[in-house]
Amino acid sequence: MMNTQVVNASVDLQWEVVKNNSAFLKKRRGFPTKFSSEKFNLTGKNYYGSSGLVQPKGVDIRADFENKAIVVTTKRGKDPKSLYFSHR
């Protein structure tokens, strides 16, 4: 059995890892900036300040077409017990 240990990395180190290597990156012809479709990124741009992957707090707004509602989800911090809160 393998022992695994969780190591908390800084936000800066996490950003250096994911800024050019993310499954959410979208490149558009004619635009110099890269776009991102990750959750908690309201601007859609691949910048450090708007990245939903590395920032400890965030807000996400999605449309729920089946229930005809708008779902607002907040990411409160690194505590897994209170990580997400959704409101319809």
C-alpha atoms as a PDB file:
ATOM      1  CA  MET A   1       0.000   0.000   0.000  1.00  0.00           C
ATOM      2  CA  MET A   2       1.306   3.402  -0.960  1.00  0.00           C
ATOM      3  CA  ASN A   3       1.346   6.252   1.549  1.00  0.00           C
ATOM      4  CA  THR A   4       0.240   9.515   0.007  1.00  0.00           C
ATOM      5  CA  GLN A   5       0.655  12.899   1.569  1.00  0.00           C
ATOM      6  CA  VAL A   6      -1.242  16.014   0.533  1.00  0.00           C
ATOM      7  CA  VAL A   7       1.042  18.984   0.040  1.00  0.00           C
ATOM      8  CA  ASN A   8      -0.382  22.473  -0.151  1.00  0.00           C
ATOM      9  CA  ALA A   9       1.283  24.422  -2.947  1.00  0.00           C
ATOM     10  CA  SER A  10       1.188  28.192  -3.212  1.00  0.00           C
ATOM     11  CA  VAL A  11      -1.286  29.842  -5.552  1.00  0.00           C
ATOM     12  CA  ASP A  12       1.613  31.184  -7.630  1.00  0.00           C
ATOM     13  CA  LEU A  13       3.053  27.699  -8.145  1.00  0.00           C
ATOM     14  CA  GLN A  14      -0.362  26.303  -9.070  1.00  0.00           C
ATOM     15  CA  TRP A  15      -0.812  29.066 -11.649  1.00  0.00           C
ATOM     16  CA  GLU A  16       2.597  28.360 -13.219  1.00  0.00           C
ATOM     17  CA  VAL A  17       1.560  24.731 -13.672  1.00  0.00           C
ATOM     18  CA  VAL A  18      -1.903  25.307 -15.176  1.00  0.00           C
ATOM     19  CA  LYS A  19      -1.534  28.545 -17.157  1.00  0.00           C
ATOM     20  CA  ASN A  20      -0.378  26.832 -20.355  1.00  0.00           C
ATOM     21  CA  ASN A  21      -1.465  23.252 -19.572  1.00  0.00           C
ATOM     22  CA  SER A  22      -5.165  23.129 -18.860  1.00  0.00           C
ATOM     23  CA  ALA A  23      -7.998  21.191 -20.457  1.00  0.00           C
ATOM     24  CA  PHE A  24     -10.129  24.335 -20.252  1.00  0.00           C
ATOM     25  CA  LEU A  25      -7.945  26.483 -22.569  1.00  0.00           C
ATOM     26  CA  LYS A  26      -9.535  27.753 -25.775  1.00  0.00           C
ATOM     27  CA  LYS A  27      -7.489  29.470 -28.480  1.00  0.00           C
ATOM     28  CA  ARG A  28      -9.294  31.725 -30.965  1.00  0.00           C
ATOM     29  CA  ARG A  29      -7.992  32.862 -34.312  1.00  0.00           C
ATOM     30  CA  GLY A  30      -7.362  36.571 -34.499  1.00  0.00           C
ATOM     31  CA  PHE A  31      -7.215  37.071 -30.724  1.00  0.00           C
ATOM     32  CA  PRO A  32      -3.866  37.390 -28.927  1.00  0.00           C
ATOM     33  CA  THR A  33      -5.315  36.306 -25.577  1.00  0.00           C
ATOM     34  CA  LYS A  34      -6.192  32.770 -24.536  1.00  0.00           C
ATOM     35  CA  PHE A  35      -9.649  32.022 -23.235  1.00  0.00           C
ATOM     36  CA  SER A  36     -10.692  29.573 -20.541  1.00  0.00           C
ATOM     37  CA  SER A  37     -13.975  27.768 -19.909  1.00  0.00           C
ATOM     38  CA  GLU A  38     -13.278  26.666 -16.341  1.00  0.00           C
ATOM     39  CA  LYS A  39     -15.752  26.978 -13.518  1.00  0.00           C
ATOM     40  CA  PHE A  40     -15.495  30.126 -11.331  1.00  0.00           C
ATOM     41  CA  ASN A  41     -13.937  32.162 -14.170  1.00  0.00           C
ATOM     42  CA  LEU A  42     -16.492  34.864 -14.948  1.00  0.00           C
ATOM     43  CA  THR A  43     -14.402  36.765 -17.518  1.00  0.00           C
ATOM     44  CA  GLY A  44     -13.466  33.730 -19.604  1.00  0.00           C
ATOM     45  CA  LYS A  45      -9.892  34.970 -20.017  1.00  0.00           C
ATOM     46  CA  ASN A  46      -6.859  32.917 -19.020  1.00  0.00           C
ATOM     47  CA  TYR A  47      -5.371  35.311 -16.451  1.00  0.00           C
ATOM     48  CA  TYR A  48      -4.041  34.756 -12.946  1.00  0.00           C
ATOM     49  CA  GLY A  49      -6.606  37.006 -11.272  1.00  0.00           C
ATOM     50  CA  SER A  50      -9.626  35.432 -12.931  1.00  0.00           C
ATOM     51  CA  SER A  51      -8.574  31.794 -12.824  1.00  0.00           C
ATOM     52  CA  GLY A  52     -11.125  29.639 -11.054  1.00  0.00           C
ATOM     53  CA  LEU A  53      -8.694  26.750 -10.680  1.00  0.00           C
ATOM     54  CA  VAL A  54      -6.125  28.433  -8.454  1.00  0.00           C
ATOM     55  CA  GLN A  55      -7.973  31.193  -6.611  1.00  0.00           C
ATOM     56  CA  PRO A  56      -9.334  30.141  -3.193  1.00  0.00           C
ATOM     57  CA  LYS A  57     -12.597  32.098  -3.573  1.00  0.00           C
ATOM     58  CA  GLY A  58     -14.871  32.578  -6.534  1.00  0.00           C
ATOM     59  CA  VAL A  59     -18.369  32.967  -7.939  1.00  0.00           C
ATOM     60  CA  ASP A  60     -19.929  31.041 -10.818  1.00  0.00           C
ATOM     61  CA  ILE A  61     -23.194  31.790 -12.603  1.00  0.00           C
ATOM     62  CA  ARG A  62     -24.819  29.150 -14.838  1.00  0.00           C
ATOM     63  CA  ALA A  63     -28.205  28.776 -16.489  1.00  0.00           C
ATOM     64  CA  ASP A  64     -30.290  25.700 -15.678  1.00  0.00           C
ATOM     65  CA  PHE A  65     -32.511  25.283 -18.729  1.00  0.00           C
ATOM     66  CA  GLU A  66     -34.437  22.269 -17.417  1.00  0.00           C
ATOM     67  CA  ASN A  67     -35.702  24.054 -14.301  1.00  0.00           C
ATOM     68  CA  LYS A  68     -35.665  27.532 -15.881  1.00  0.00           C
ATOM     69  CA  ALA A  69     -33.416  28.898 -13.168  1.00  0.00           C
ATOM     70  CA  ILE A  70     -30.095  30.653 -12.690  1.00  0.00           C
ATOM     71  CA  VAL A  71     -27.644  28.786 -10.452  1.00  0.00           C
ATOM     72  CA  VAL A  72     -25.173  30.902  -8.467  1.00  0.00           C
ATOM     73  CA  THR A  73     -22.323  28.922  -6.903  1.00  0.00           C
ATOM     74  CA  THR A  74     -19.714  30.391  -4.560  1.00  0.00           C
ATOM     75  CA  LYS A  75     -16.361  28.885  -3.685  1.00  0.00           C
ATOM     76  CA  ARG A  76     -15.593  29.953  -0.137  1.00  0.00           C
ATOM     77  CA  GLY A  77     -12.047  28.738   0.404  1.00  0.00           C
ATOM     78  CA  LYS A  78      -9.834  25.716   0.754  1.00  0.00           C
ATOM     79  CA  ASP A  79     -11.947  24.027   3.472  1.00  0.00           C
ATOM     80  CA  PRO A  80     -13.561  20.998   1.750  1.00  0.00           C
ATOM     81  CA  LYS A  81     -16.545  21.059   4.120  1.00  0.00           C
ATOM     82  CA  SER A  82     -17.660  24.497   2.940  1.00  0.00           C
ATOM     83  CA  LEU A  83     -16.214  24.510  -0.548  1.00  0.00           C
ATOM     84  CA  TYR A  84     -19.352  25.067  -2.645  1.00  0.00           C
ATOM     85  CA  PHE A  85     -22.689  26.673  -1.977  1.00  0.00           C
ATOM     86  CA  SER A  86     -25.379  26.785  -4.667  1.00  0.00           C
ATOM     87  CA  HIS A  87     -28.485  28.911  -4.754  1.00  0.00           C
ATOM     88  CA  ARG A  88     -31.272  28.725  -7.347  1.00  0.00           C
END
